Amino acid sequence: MSGTPSISETYAVLGNAWSPGSRFRLRVSLVVLTRGPALFRSQVLTDFYSLGFFEILCVETGELHYDAAALVQDLPGLRILIPKGPPNVGNAVNLAAREAKGDRFLVVWDDQVIPETGLHSKIEGLWEQSENLAVVPELRDRQGRELPCVLVPGLEGDRLKILALGADQEHVETLFAPDYTALYDRRRFLHTGGYDPQMTSAFWQKVDWGLRSRLWGESLAVKRAFKVDYCGQPPMEDQTPDRSYPRFFLRNLAVRHVGDHGVLPFRRFWAHARRAGMPFGQSLAVFLHEREWVKTHKYLYQTDARVLTELWGTQ
């Protein structure tokens, strides 16, 4: 019997879910992640509010340094979420997905802007025409230059290699959403378990969710008609595998698809042990724990990483 991972976070909420209406025909929630100066937060949220989304959820990652209570009074339908605990972007997206009332939710940052020209018809068209779990926009820098947002996976032995490219077609499949920015199907996102809060690296957290979603039969795509621009310098990411990498390896790369389900063969322990950097006993305990996790979710696996990368772009 298959199971669905749970998302459990503790957070506070300012504001309420009542919304005065939307300029969209469909229920699209806007999720705003924060990393810019709090000094500009009120203006940024006011600008996003003017776009007419069904609701806005702003996820703060630290103490509030602006009058949030007054802001939620001025902007009905705005809620400010304040997670309790260390900042974790994937965790922020998870709790916003749990709290959102829309059928889909668009994740952006407070240092990004959404070009308003044709915005409503574009997003509604993406909603109605797309069968993807998530639709990723074409990302552009402040000069309007396209950034590589198509992430193509490949395997070299047991190592995952990711090539970042520009979108050369109107619809291009991708492994994950750069910077978490995408239009997500809320129900299906929650069914995947969301981003893994135990992943401490933002890069590997995104890769883990994207690859796991693909292995479980979902798809993600970049749509060039959908654009999001940075106001400043796009962030740089550390792609070095960290202490959470063994969890990613065992749940994704080490799994083999057999018949109608996924398995983590015991012979994969040695590949895990070589790269885990742990004492033997700890390495074995981690392997056995993840093997049970794969067994619990085995019927969700529709393929494995080896087949996925070999057939990438041909389906």
C-alpha atoms as a PDB file:
ATOM      1  CA  MET A   1       0.000   0.000   0.000  1.00  0.00           C
ATOM      2  CA  SER A   2       1.436   3.380  -0.964  1.00  0.00           C
ATOM      3  CA  GLY A   3       1.611   6.353   1.326  1.00  0.00           C
ATOM      4  CA  THR A   4       1.974  10.084   0.920  1.00  0.00           C
ATOM      5  CA  PRO A   5       4.608  11.940   2.974  1.00  0.00           C
ATOM      6  CA  SER A   6       3.233  14.431   5.470  1.00  0.00           C
ATOM      7  CA  ILE A   7       4.224  18.085   5.636  1.00  0.00           C
ATOM      8  CA  SER A   8       4.310  19.313   9.216  1.00  0.00           C
ATOM      9  CA  GLU A   9       5.290  22.865  10.068  1.00  0.00           C
ATOM     10  CA  THR A  10       4.584  25.268  12.915  1.00  0.00           C
ATOM     11  CA  TYR A  11       3.863  28.835  11.965  1.00  0.00           C
ATOM     12  CA  ALA A  12       1.848  31.915  12.840  1.00  0.00           C
ATOM     13  CA  VAL A  13      -0.521  33.725  10.475  1.00  0.00           C
ATOM     14  CA  LEU A  14      -1.439  37.408  10.331  1.00  0.00           C
ATOM     15  CA  GLY A  15      -4.545  38.357   8.345  1.00  0.00           C
ATOM     16  CA  ASN A  16      -7.440  36.224   7.200  1.00  0.00           C
ATOM     17  CA  ALA A  17      -8.431  34.285   4.122  1.00  0.00           C
ATOM     18  CA  TRP A  18     -11.259  36.583   3.098  1.00  0.00           C
ATOM     19  CA  SER A  19     -10.655  38.127  -0.307  1.00  0.00           C
ATOM     20  CA  PRO A  20     -12.636  40.910  -1.991  1.00  0.00           C
ATOM     21  CA  GLY A  21     -12.420  39.236  -5.362  1.00  0.00           C
ATOM     22  CA  SER A  22      -9.942  38.557  -8.130  1.00  0.00           C
ATOM     23  CA  ARG A  23      -9.188  39.745 -11.631  1.00  0.00           C
ATOM     24  CA  PHE A  24      -8.597  36.096 -12.543  1.00  0.00           C
ATOM     25  CA  ARG A  25     -11.455  33.815 -13.529  1.00  0.00           C
ATOM     26  CA  LEU A  26      -9.687  31.028 -11.676  1.00  0.00           C
ATOM     27  CA  ARG A  27      -8.422  30.674  -8.107  1.00  0.00           C
ATOM     28  CA  VAL A  28      -4.680  31.418  -8.250  1.00  0.00           C
ATOM     29  CA  SER A  29      -2.906  32.183  -4.970  1.00  0.00           C
ATOM     30  CA  LEU A  30       0.272  34.266  -5.046  1.00  0.00           C
ATOM     31  CA  VAL A  31       3.015  33.175  -2.634  1.00  0.00           C
ATOM     32  CA  VAL A  32       5.724  35.776  -1.978  1.00  0.00           C
ATOM     33  CA  LEU A  33       8.996  34.551  -0.435  1.00  0.00           C
ATOM     34  CA  THR A  34      11.156  37.176   1.263  1.00  0.00           C
ATOM     35  CA  ARG A  35      14.871  37.913   1.149  1.00  0.00           C
ATOM     36  CA  GLY A  36      14.926  41.641   0.329  1.00  0.00           C
ATOM     37  CA  PRO A  37      15.064  44.557   2.802  1.00  0.00           C
ATOM     38  CA  ALA A  38      12.001  44.741   5.077  1.00  0.00           C
ATOM     39  CA  LEU A  39      11.993  48.494   4.467  1.00  0.00           C
ATOM     40  CA  PHE A  40      10.458  47.878   1.015  1.00  0.00           C
ATOM     41  CA  ARG A  41       8.123  45.029   1.987  1.00  0.00           C
ATOM     42  CA  SER A  42       4.955  47.101   2.202  1.00  0.00           C
ATOM     43  CA  GLN A  43       5.471  48.619  -1.250  1.00  0.00           C
ATOM     44  CA  VAL A  44       6.396  45.275  -2.800  1.00  0.00           C
ATOM     45  CA  LEU A  45       3.279  43.592  -1.432  1.00  0.00           C
ATOM     46  CA  THR A  46       1.111  46.530  -2.484  1.00  0.00           C
ATOM     47  CA  ASP A  47       2.492  46.232  -6.032  1.00  0.00           C
ATOM     48  CA  PHE A  48       1.785  42.485  -6.108  1.00  0.00           C
ATOM     49  CA  TYR A  49      -1.685  43.109  -4.667  1.00  0.00           C
ATOM     50  CA  SER A  50      -2.510  45.421  -7.572  1.00  0.00           C
ATOM     51  CA  LEU A  51      -2.138  42.469  -9.978  1.00  0.00           C
ATOM     52  CA  GLY A  52      -5.445  41.085  -8.718  1.00  0.00           C
ATOM     53  CA  PHE A  53      -4.614  37.581  -7.539  1.00  0.00           C
ATOM     54  CA  PHE A  54      -7.211  35.580  -5.610  1.00  0.00           C
ATOM     55  CA  GLU A  55      -5.091  35.959  -2.466  1.00  0.00           C
ATOM     56  CA  ILE A  56      -1.504  36.701  -1.425  1.00  0.00           C
ATOM     57  CA  LEU A  57       0.527  34.780   1.131  1.00  0.00           C
ATOM     58  CA  CYS A  58       3.795  36.408   2.181  1.00  0.00           C
ATOM     59  CA  VAL A  59       6.176  34.059   3.998  1.00  0.00           C
ATOM     60  CA  GLU A  60       8.599  35.875   6.307  1.00  0.00           C
ATOM     61  CA  THR A  61      11.794  34.177   7.411  1.00  0.00           C
ATOM     62  CA  GLY A  62      12.699  36.423  10.353  1.00  0.00           C
ATOM     63  CA  GLU A  63      11.370  39.056  12.702  1.00  0.00           C
ATOM     64  CA  LEU A  64       8.924  41.588  11.304  1.00  0.00           C
ATOM     65  CA  HIS A  65      10.407  45.064  10.882  1.00  0.00           C
ATOM     66  CA  TYR A  66       7.327  46.732   9.417  1.00  0.00           C
ATOM     67  CA  ASP A  67       3.723  47.274  10.479  1.00  0.00           C
ATOM     68  CA  ALA A  68       2.336  43.964   9.279  1.00  0.00           C
ATOM     69  CA  ALA A  69      -0.954  44.346  11.168  1.00  0.00           C
ATOM     70  CA  ALA A  70      -1.732  47.614   9.376  1.00  0.00           C
ATOM     71  CA  LEU A  71      -0.739  46.131   6.025  1.00  0.00           C
ATOM     72  CA  VAL A  72      -3.122  43.158   6.241  1.00  0.00           C
ATOM     73  CA  GLN A  73      -5.892  45.600   7.159  1.00  0.00           C
ATOM     74  CA  ASP A  74      -5.135  47.746   4.101  1.00  0.00           C
ATOM     75  CA  LEU A  75      -4.856  44.775   1.724  1.00  0.00           C
ATOM     76  CA  PRO A  76      -7.786  42.358   2.282  1.00  0.00           C
ATOM     77  CA  GLY A  77      -6.850  38.845   1.220  1.00  0.00           C
ATOM     78  CA  LEU A  78      -3.187  39.292   2.255  1.00  0.00           C
ATOM     79  CA  ARG A  79      -1.881  36.890   4.869  1.00  0.00           C
ATOM     80  CA  ILE A  80       1.599  36.979   6.371  1.00  0.00           C
ATOM     81  CA  LEU A  81       3.004  33.614   7.443  1.00  0.00           C
ATOM     82  CA  ILE A  82       5.759  33.488  10.050  1.00  0.00           C
ATOM     83  CA  PRO A  83       7.457  30.095  10.374  1.00  0.00           C
ATOM     84  CA  LYS A  84       8.850  29.136  13.771  1.00  0.00           C
ATOM     85  CA  GLY A  85      12.314  27.687  13.479  1.00  0.00           C
ATOM     86  CA  PRO A  86      15.400  28.052  11.278  1.00  0.00           C
ATOM     87  CA  PRO A  87      14.767  29.509   7.804  1.00  0.00           C
ATOM     88  CA  ASN A  88      14.159  26.840   5.165  1.00  0.00           C
ATOM     89  CA  VAL A  89      12.808  27.887   1.767  1.00  0.00           C
ATOM     90  CA  GLY A  90      11.263  24.549   0.870  1.00  0.00           C
ATOM     91  CA  ASN A  91       9.527  24.500   4.230  1.00  0.00           C
ATOM     92  CA  ALA A  92       8.159  27.996   3.486  1.00  0.00           C
ATOM     93  CA  VAL A  93       6.700  26.810   0.168  1.00  0.00           C
ATOM     94  CA  ASN A  94       5.177  23.771   1.895  1.00  0.00           C
ATOM     95  CA  LEU A  95       3.362  25.754   4.543  1.00  0.00           C
ATOM     96  CA  ALA A  96       2.122  28.270   1.961  1.00  0.00           C
ATOM     97  CA  ALA A  97       0.729  25.370  -0.080  1.00  0.00           C
ATOM     98  CA  ARG A  98      -1.046  24.059   3.013  1.00  0.00           C
ATOM     99  CA  GLU A  99      -2.457  27.483   3.862  1.00  0.00           C
ATOM    100  CA  ALA A 100      -3.427  28.570   0.322  1.00  0.00           C
ATOM    101  CA  LYS A 101      -7.073  28.496  -0.714  1.00  0.00           C
ATOM    102  CA  GLY A 102      -6.436  28.600  -4.456  1.00  0.00           C
ATOM    103  CA  ASP A 103      -6.336  25.538  -6.690  1.00  0.00           C
ATOM    104  CA  ARG A 104      -2.937  26.645  -7.955  1.00  0.00           C
ATOM    105  CA  PHE A 105      -0.313  28.854  -6.392  1.00  0.00           C
ATOM    106  CA  LEU A 106       2.413  30.952  -7.992  1.00  0.00           C
ATOM    107  CA  VAL A 107       5.670  31.280  -6.040  1.00  0.00           C
ATOM    108  CA  VAL A 108       7.780  34.415  -6.521  1.00  0.00           C
ATOM    109  CA  TRP A 109      10.316  36.351  -4.432  1.00  0.00           C
ATOM    110  CA  ASP A 110      10.096  39.908  -3.188  1.00  0.00           C
ATOM    111  CA  ASP A 111      13.013  40.825  -5.474  1.00  0.00           C
ATOM    112  CA  GLN A 112      11.135  39.617  -8.571  1.00  0.00           C
ATOM    113  CA  VAL A 113       8.433  41.291 -10.638  1.00  0.00           C
ATOM    114  CA  ILE A 114       5.760  39.824 -12.881  1.00  0.00           C
ATOM    115  CA  PRO A 115       5.280  41.743 -16.155  1.00  0.00           C
ATOM    116  CA  GLU A 116       1.609  42.718 -16.108  1.00  0.00           C
ATOM    117  CA  THR A 117       1.008  42.782 -19.859  1.00  0.00           C
ATOM    118  CA  GLY A 118      -1.369  39.923 -20.598  1.00  0.00           C
ATOM    119  CA  LEU A 119      -0.717  38.434 -17.159  1.00  0.00           C
ATOM    120  CA  HIS A 120      -4.219  37.187 -16.413  1.00  0.00           C
ATOM    121  CA  SER A 121      -4.886  35.550 -19.760  1.00  0.00           C
ATOM    122  CA  LYS A 122      -1.424  33.957 -19.744  1.00  0.00           C
ATOM    123  CA  ILE A 123      -1.766  32.395 -16.317  1.00  0.00           C
ATOM    124  CA  GLU A 124      -5.321  31.257 -16.975  1.00  0.00           C
ATOM    125  CA  GLY A 125      -4.174  29.756 -20.273  1.00  0.00           C
ATOM    126  CA  LEU A 126      -1.349  27.924 -18.494  1.00  0.00           C
ATOM    127  CA  TRP A 127      -3.891  26.629 -15.982  1.00  0.00           C
ATOM    128  CA  GLU A 128      -6.371  25.373 -18.534  1.00  0.00           C
ATOM    129  CA  GLN A 129      -3.937  23.964 -21.092  1.00  0.00           C
ATOM    130  CA  SER A 130      -1.135  22.532 -18.978  1.00  0.00           C
ATOM    131  CA  GLU A 131      -1.093  19.044 -17.524  1.00  0.00           C
ATOM    132  CA  ASN A 132       2.134  19.717 -15.635  1.00  0.00           C
ATOM    133  CA  LEU A 133       2.534  19.583 -11.891  1.00  0.00           C
ATOM    134  CA  ALA A 134       4.410  22.882 -12.130  1.00  0.00           C
ATOM    135  CA  VAL A 135       4.869  25.449 -14.882  1.00  0.00           C
ATOM    136  CA  VAL A 136       8.155  27.354 -14.708  1.00  0.00           C
ATOM    137  CA  PRO A 137       8.439  30.855 -16.163  1.00  0.00           C
ATOM    138  CA  GLU A 138      11.249  32.133 -18.315  1.00  0.00           C
ATOM    139  CA  LEU A 139      13.424  34.020 -15.841  1.00  0.00           C
ATOM    140  CA  ARG A 140      15.123  37.259 -16.906  1.00  0.00           C
ATOM    141  CA  ASP A 141      17.679  39.530 -15.253  1.00  0.00           C
ATOM    142  CA  ARG A 142      17.069  43.236 -14.675  1.00  0.00           C
ATOM    143  CA  GLN A 143      18.269  44.023 -18.208  1.00  0.00           C
ATOM    144  CA  GLY A 144      15.673  41.650 -19.654  1.00  0.00           C
ATOM    145  CA  ARG A 145      18.217  39.000 -20.626  1.00  0.00           C
ATOM    146  CA  GLU A 146      17.032  35.399 -20.469  1.00  0.00           C
ATOM    147  CA  LEU A 147      18.558  33.252 -17.741  1.00  0.00           C
ATOM    148  CA  PRO A 148      19.107  29.487 -18.124  1.00  0.00           C
ATOM    149  CA  CYS A 149      16.011  27.952 -16.536  1.00  0.00           C
ATOM    150  CA  VAL A 150      15.753  24.595 -18.323  1.00  0.00           C
ATOM    151  CA  LEU A 151      17.441  21.986 -16.104  1.00  0.00           C
ATOM    152  CA  VAL A 152      18.374  18.789 -17.941  1.00  0.00           C
ATOM    153  CA  PRO A 153      19.502  15.739 -15.906  1.00  0.00           C
ATOM    154  CA  GLY A 154      22.108  13.179 -16.848  1.00  0.00           C
ATOM    155  CA  LEU A 155      23.893  10.338 -15.060  1.00  0.00           C
ATOM    156  CA  GLU A 156      27.609   9.623 -14.966  1.00  0.00           C
ATOM    157  CA  GLY A 157      27.787   6.361 -13.088  1.00  0.00           C
ATOM    158  CA  ASP A 158      25.930   7.078  -9.839  1.00  0.00           C
ATOM    159  CA  ARG A 159      26.391  10.829 -10.046  1.00  0.00           C
ATOM    160  CA  LEU A 160      23.693  13.192 -11.216  1.00  0.00           C
ATOM    161  CA  LYS A 161      24.801  15.914 -13.622  1.00  0.00           C
ATOM    162  CA  ILE A 162      22.533  18.849 -14.364  1.00  0.00           C
ATOM    163  CA  LEU A 163      22.882  21.046 -17.438  1.00  0.00           C
ATOM    164  CA  ALA A 164      21.273  24.503 -17.296  1.00  0.00           C
ATOM    165  CA  LEU A 165      20.022  25.793 -20.664  1.00  0.00           C
ATOM    166  CA  GLY A 166      17.854  28.531 -22.079  1.00  0.00           C
ATOM    167  CA  ALA A 167      14.423  27.639 -23.407  1.00  0.00           C
ATOM    168  CA  ASP A 168      14.619  27.276 -27.197  1.00  0.00           C
ATOM    169  CA  GLN A 169      10.957  26.254 -27.613  1.00  0.00           C
ATOM    170  CA  GLU A 170       7.676  27.515 -26.239  1.00  0.00           C
ATOM    171  CA  HIS A 171       7.277  24.404 -24.034  1.00  0.00           C
ATOM    172  CA  VAL A 172      10.345  22.590 -22.674  1.00  0.00           C
ATOM    173  CA  GLU A 173      10.425  19.969 -19.919  1.00  0.00           C
ATOM    174  CA  THR A 174      12.656  20.709 -16.946  1.00  0.00           C
ATOM    175  CA  LEU A 175      13.789  18.843 -13.846  1.00  0.00           C
ATOM    176  CA  PHE A 176      12.901  21.468 -11.244  1.00  0.00           C
ATOM    177  CA  ALA A 177      11.984  25.112 -10.718  1.00  0.00           C
ATOM    178  CA  PRO A 178      15.009  27.406 -10.421  1.00  0.00           C
ATOM    179  CA  ASP A 179      14.731  29.559  -7.292  1.00  0.00           C
ATOM    180  CA  TYR A 180      11.454  27.718  -6.503  1.00  0.00           C
ATOM    181  CA  THR A 181       9.631  30.129  -8.850  1.00  0.00           C
ATOM    182  CA  ALA A 182       6.757  28.355 -10.613  1.00  0.00           C
ATOM    183  CA  LEU A 183       2.992  27.983 -10.904  1.00  0.00           C
ATOM    184  CA  TYR A 184       2.186  24.819  -8.924  1.00  0.00           C
ATOM    185  CA  ASP A 185      -0.885  22.601  -8.923  1.00  0.00           C
ATOM    186  CA  ARG A 186      -1.651  22.710  -5.210  1.00  0.00           C
ATOM    187  CA  ARG A 187      -3.321  19.307  -4.810  1.00  0.00           C
ATOM    188  CA  ARG A 188      -0.662  17.446  -6.760  1.00  0.00           C
ATOM    189  CA  PHE A 189       2.157  19.330  -5.022  1.00  0.00           C
ATOM    190  CA  LEU A 190       0.858  18.230  -1.634  1.00  0.00           C
ATOM    191  CA  HIS A 191       0.521  14.665  -2.939  1.00  0.00           C
ATOM    192  CA  THR A 192       4.272  14.613  -3.655  1.00  0.00           C
ATOM    193  CA  GLY A 193       4.951  15.512  -0.025  1.00  0.00           C
ATOM    194  CA  GLY A 194       6.335  18.895  -1.021  1.00  0.00           C
ATOM    195  CA  TYR A 195       9.927  19.989  -0.531  1.00  0.00           C
ATOM    196  CA  ASP A 196      11.841  17.980   2.047  1.00  0.00           C
ATOM    197  CA  PRO A 197      12.350  20.234   5.121  1.00  0.00           C
ATOM    198  CA  GLN A 198      15.287  18.076   6.238  1.00  0.00           C
ATOM    199  CA  MET A 199      17.272  19.072   3.145  1.00  0.00           C
ATOM    200  CA  THR A 200      19.618  21.837   4.322  1.00  0.00           C
ATOM    201  CA  SER A 201      20.882  22.759   0.842  1.00  0.00           C
ATOM    202  CA  ALA A 202      18.400  24.788  -1.225  1.00  0.00           C
ATOM    203  CA  PHE A 203      19.884  23.407  -4.445  1.00  0.00           C
ATOM    204  CA  TRP A 204      19.569  19.746  -3.461  1.00  0.00           C
ATOM    205  CA  GLN A 205      16.176  20.377  -1.899  1.00  0.00           C
ATOM    206  CA  LYS A 206      14.909  21.545  -5.290  1.00  0.00           C
ATOM    207  CA  VAL A 207      16.612  18.699  -7.142  1.00  0.00           C
ATOM    208  CA  ASP A 208      15.190  16.178  -4.674  1.00  0.00           C
ATOM    209  CA  TRP A 209      11.612  17.401  -5.114  1.00  0.00           C
ATOM    210  CA  GLY A 210      11.886  17.717  -8.888  1.00  0.00           C
ATOM    211  CA  LEU A 211      13.462  14.313  -9.432  1.00  0.00           C
ATOM    212  CA  ARG A 212      11.152  12.584  -6.964  1.00  0.00           C
ATOM    213  CA  SER A 213       8.138  14.150  -8.681  1.00  0.00           C
ATOM    214  CA  ARG A 214       9.365  12.927 -12.063  1.00  0.00           C
ATOM    215  CA  LEU A 215      10.032   9.422 -10.735  1.00  0.00           C
ATOM    216  CA  TRP A 216       6.488   9.393  -9.396  1.00  0.00           C
ATOM    217  CA  GLY A 217       5.024  10.161 -12.810  1.00  0.00           C
ATOM    218  CA  GLU A 218       4.686  13.955 -12.669  1.00  0.00           C
ATOM    219  CA  SER A 219       6.120  16.492 -15.109  1.00  0.00           C
ATOM    220  CA  LEU A 220       7.430  20.051 -14.987  1.00  0.00           C
ATOM    221  CA  ALA A 221       7.879  22.392 -17.920  1.00  0.00           C
ATOM    222  CA  VAL A 222       9.189  25.840 -18.792  1.00  0.00           C
ATOM    223  CA  LYS A 223       6.733  28.021 -20.734  1.00  0.00           C
ATOM    224  CA  ARG A 224       8.367  30.920 -22.567  1.00  0.00           C
ATOM    225  CA  ALA A 225       5.136  32.932 -22.738  1.00  0.00           C
ATOM    226  CA  PHE A 226       5.236  33.139 -18.940  1.00  0.00           C
ATOM    227  CA  LYS A 227       7.966  35.500 -17.661  1.00  0.00           C
ATOM    228  CA  VAL A 228       9.281  36.655 -14.293  1.00  0.00           C
ATOM    229  CA  ASP A 229      12.011  39.297 -13.961  1.00  0.00           C
ATOM    230  CA  TYR A 230      14.596  39.943 -11.241  1.00  0.00           C
ATOM    231  CA  CYS A 231      14.915  43.462  -9.859  1.00  0.00           C
ATOM    232  CA  GLY A 232      18.531  42.866  -8.850  1.00  0.00           C
ATOM    233  CA  GLN A 233      21.231  40.241  -9.146  1.00  0.00           C
ATOM    234  CA  PRO A 234      19.930  36.649  -9.345  1.00  0.00           C
ATOM    235  CA  PRO A 235      21.234  34.610  -6.389  1.00  0.00           C
ATOM    236  CA  MET A 236      24.182  32.249  -6.687  1.00  0.00           C
ATOM    237  CA  GLU A 237      23.806  28.720  -5.318  1.00  0.00           C
ATOM    238  CA  ASP A 238      26.164  26.283  -3.671  1.00  0.00           C
ATOM    239  CA  GLN A 239      25.743  22.943  -5.455  1.00  0.00           C
ATOM    240  CA  THR A 240      28.155  21.032  -3.211  1.00  0.00           C
ATOM    241  CA  PRO A 241      26.566  17.869  -1.788  1.00  0.00           C
ATOM    242  CA  ASP A 242      26.068  18.307   1.972  1.00  0.00           C
ATOM    243  CA  ARG A 243      25.043  16.069   4.870  1.00  0.00           C
ATOM    244  CA  SER A 244      21.529  15.651   3.453  1.00  0.00           C
ATOM    245  CA  TYR A 245      22.831  14.272   0.142  1.00  0.00           C
ATOM    246  CA  PRO A 246      22.726  10.579   1.239  1.00  0.00           C
ATOM    247  CA  ARG A 247      18.976  10.946   1.799  1.00  0.00           C
ATOM    248  CA  PHE A 248      18.596  12.348  -1.726  1.00  0.00           C
ATOM    249  CA  PHE A 249      20.784   9.609  -3.217  1.00  0.00           C
ATOM    250  CA  LEU A 250      18.931   6.739  -1.560  1.00  0.00           C
ATOM    251  CA  ARG A 251      15.411   8.002  -2.297  1.00  0.00           C
ATOM    252  CA  ASN A 252      16.110   8.925  -5.901  1.00  0.00           C
ATOM    253  CA  LEU A 253      19.287   7.787  -7.637  1.00  0.00           C
ATOM    254  CA  ALA A 254      19.661   4.418  -5.905  1.00  0.00           C
ATOM    255  CA  VAL A 255      16.074   3.269  -6.466  1.00  0.00           C
ATOM    256  CA  ARG A 256      15.372   0.752  -9.215  1.00  0.00           C
ATOM    257  CA  HIS A 257      11.969   0.340 -10.854  1.00  0.00           C
ATOM    258  CA  VAL A 258      10.945  -3.317 -11.053  1.00  0.00           C
ATOM    259  CA  GLY A 259       7.602  -4.361 -12.521  1.00  0.00           C
ATOM    260  CA  ASP A 260       5.102  -1.921 -11.070  1.00  0.00           C
ATOM    261  CA  HIS A 261       7.070  -0.485  -8.131  1.00  0.00           C
ATOM    262  CA  GLY A 262      10.331   0.957  -6.906  1.00  0.00           C
ATOM    263  CA  VAL A 263      12.871  -0.878  -4.746  1.00  0.00           C
ATOM    264  CA  LEU A 264      16.090   0.088  -3.016  1.00  0.00           C
ATOM    265  CA  PRO A 265      18.272  -3.006  -3.536  1.00  0.00           C
ATOM    266  CA  PHE A 266      20.610  -3.879  -0.708  1.00  0.00           C
ATOM    267  CA  ARG A 267      23.517  -3.968  -3.166  1.00  0.00           C
ATOM    268  CA  ARG A 268      23.144  -0.172  -3.430  1.00  0.00           C
ATOM    269  CA  PHE A 269      24.382   0.088   0.160  1.00  0.00           C
ATOM    270  CA  TRP A 270      28.030   0.030  -0.902  1.00  0.00           C
ATOM    271  CA  ALA A 271      27.656   2.956  -3.284  1.00  0.00           C
ATOM    272  CA  HIS A 272      25.934   4.842  -0.464  1.00  0.00           C
ATOM    273  CA  ALA A 273      28.612   3.885   2.091  1.00  0.00           C
ATOM    274  CA  ARG A 274      31.463   5.083  -0.166  1.00  0.00           C
ATOM    275  CA  ARG A 275      30.086   8.600  -0.512  1.00  0.00           C
ATOM    276  CA  ALA A 276      28.186   9.086   2.768  1.00  0.00           C
ATOM    277  CA  GLY A 277      31.243   9.988   4.841  1.00  0.00           C
ATOM    278  CA  MET A 278      29.773   8.230   7.914  1.00  0.00           C
ATOM    279  CA  PRO A 279      30.948   5.463  10.249  1.00  0.00           C
ATOM    280  CA  PHE A 280      29.833   2.060   9.000  1.00  0.00           C
ATOM    281  CA  GLY A 281      27.123   1.586  11.612  1.00  0.00           C
ATOM    282  CA  GLN A 282      25.590   4.993  11.016  1.00  0.00           C
ATOM    283  CA  SER A 283      25.768   4.524   7.257  1.00  0.00           C
ATOM    284  CA  LEU A 284      23.936   1.175   7.553  1.00  0.00           C
ATOM    285  CA  ALA A 285      21.276   2.666   9.838  1.00  0.00           C
ATOM    286  CA  VAL A 286      20.611   5.497   7.369  1.00  0.00           C
ATOM    287  CA  PHE A 287      20.393   3.022   4.493  1.00  0.00           C
ATOM    288  CA  LEU A 288      17.913   0.776   6.302  1.00  0.00           C
ATOM    289  CA  HIS A 289      15.759   3.759   7.290  1.00  0.00           C
ATOM    290  CA  GLU A 290      15.595   5.030   3.700  1.00  0.00           C
ATOM    291  CA  ARG A 291      14.985   1.511   2.409  1.00  0.00           C
ATOM    292  CA  GLU A 292      11.858   1.373   4.566  1.00  0.00           C
ATOM    293  CA  TRP A 293      10.798   4.800   3.251  1.00  0.00           C
ATOM    294  CA  VAL A 294      11.122   3.585  -0.341  1.00  0.00           C
ATOM    295  CA  LYS A 295       9.191   0.424   0.539  1.00  0.00           C
ATOM    296  CA  THR A 296       6.354   2.519   2.002  1.00  0.00           C
ATOM    297  CA  HIS A 297       6.112   4.605  -1.163  1.00  0.00           C
ATOM    298  CA  LYS A 298       7.116   1.912  -3.662  1.00  0.00           C
ATOM    299  CA  TYR A 299       3.954   2.037  -5.776  1.00  0.00           C
ATOM    300  CA  LEU A 300       4.364   5.766  -6.380  1.00  0.00           C
ATOM    301  CA  TYR A 301       7.515   5.138  -8.434  1.00  0.00           C
ATOM    302  CA  GLN A 302       6.744   4.979 -12.159  1.00  0.00           C
ATOM    303  CA  THR A 303      10.354   4.801 -13.367  1.00  0.00           C
ATOM    304  CA  ASP A 304      13.896   5.179 -12.067  1.00  0.00           C
ATOM    305  CA  ALA A 305      16.619   7.756 -12.575  1.00  0.00           C
ATOM    306  CA  ARG A 306      18.542   5.646 -15.061  1.00  0.00           C
ATOM    307  CA  VAL A 307      15.575   5.239 -17.420  1.00  0.00           C
ATOM    308  CA  LEU A 308      14.408   8.822 -16.851  1.00  0.00           C
ATOM    309  CA  THR A 309      17.713  10.344 -17.918  1.00  0.00           C
ATOM    310  CA  GLU A 310      18.102   7.987 -20.893  1.00  0.00           C
ATOM    311  CA  LEU A 311      14.680   8.909 -22.246  1.00  0.00           C
ATOM    312  CA  TRP A 312      14.783  12.609 -21.298  1.00  0.00           C
ATOM    313  CA  GLY A 313      13.275  14.770 -24.015  1.00  0.00           C
ATOM    314  CA  THR A 314      12.032  11.839 -26.103  1.00  0.00           C
ATOM    315  CA  GLN A 315       8.634  11.350 -24.464  1.00  0.00           C
END
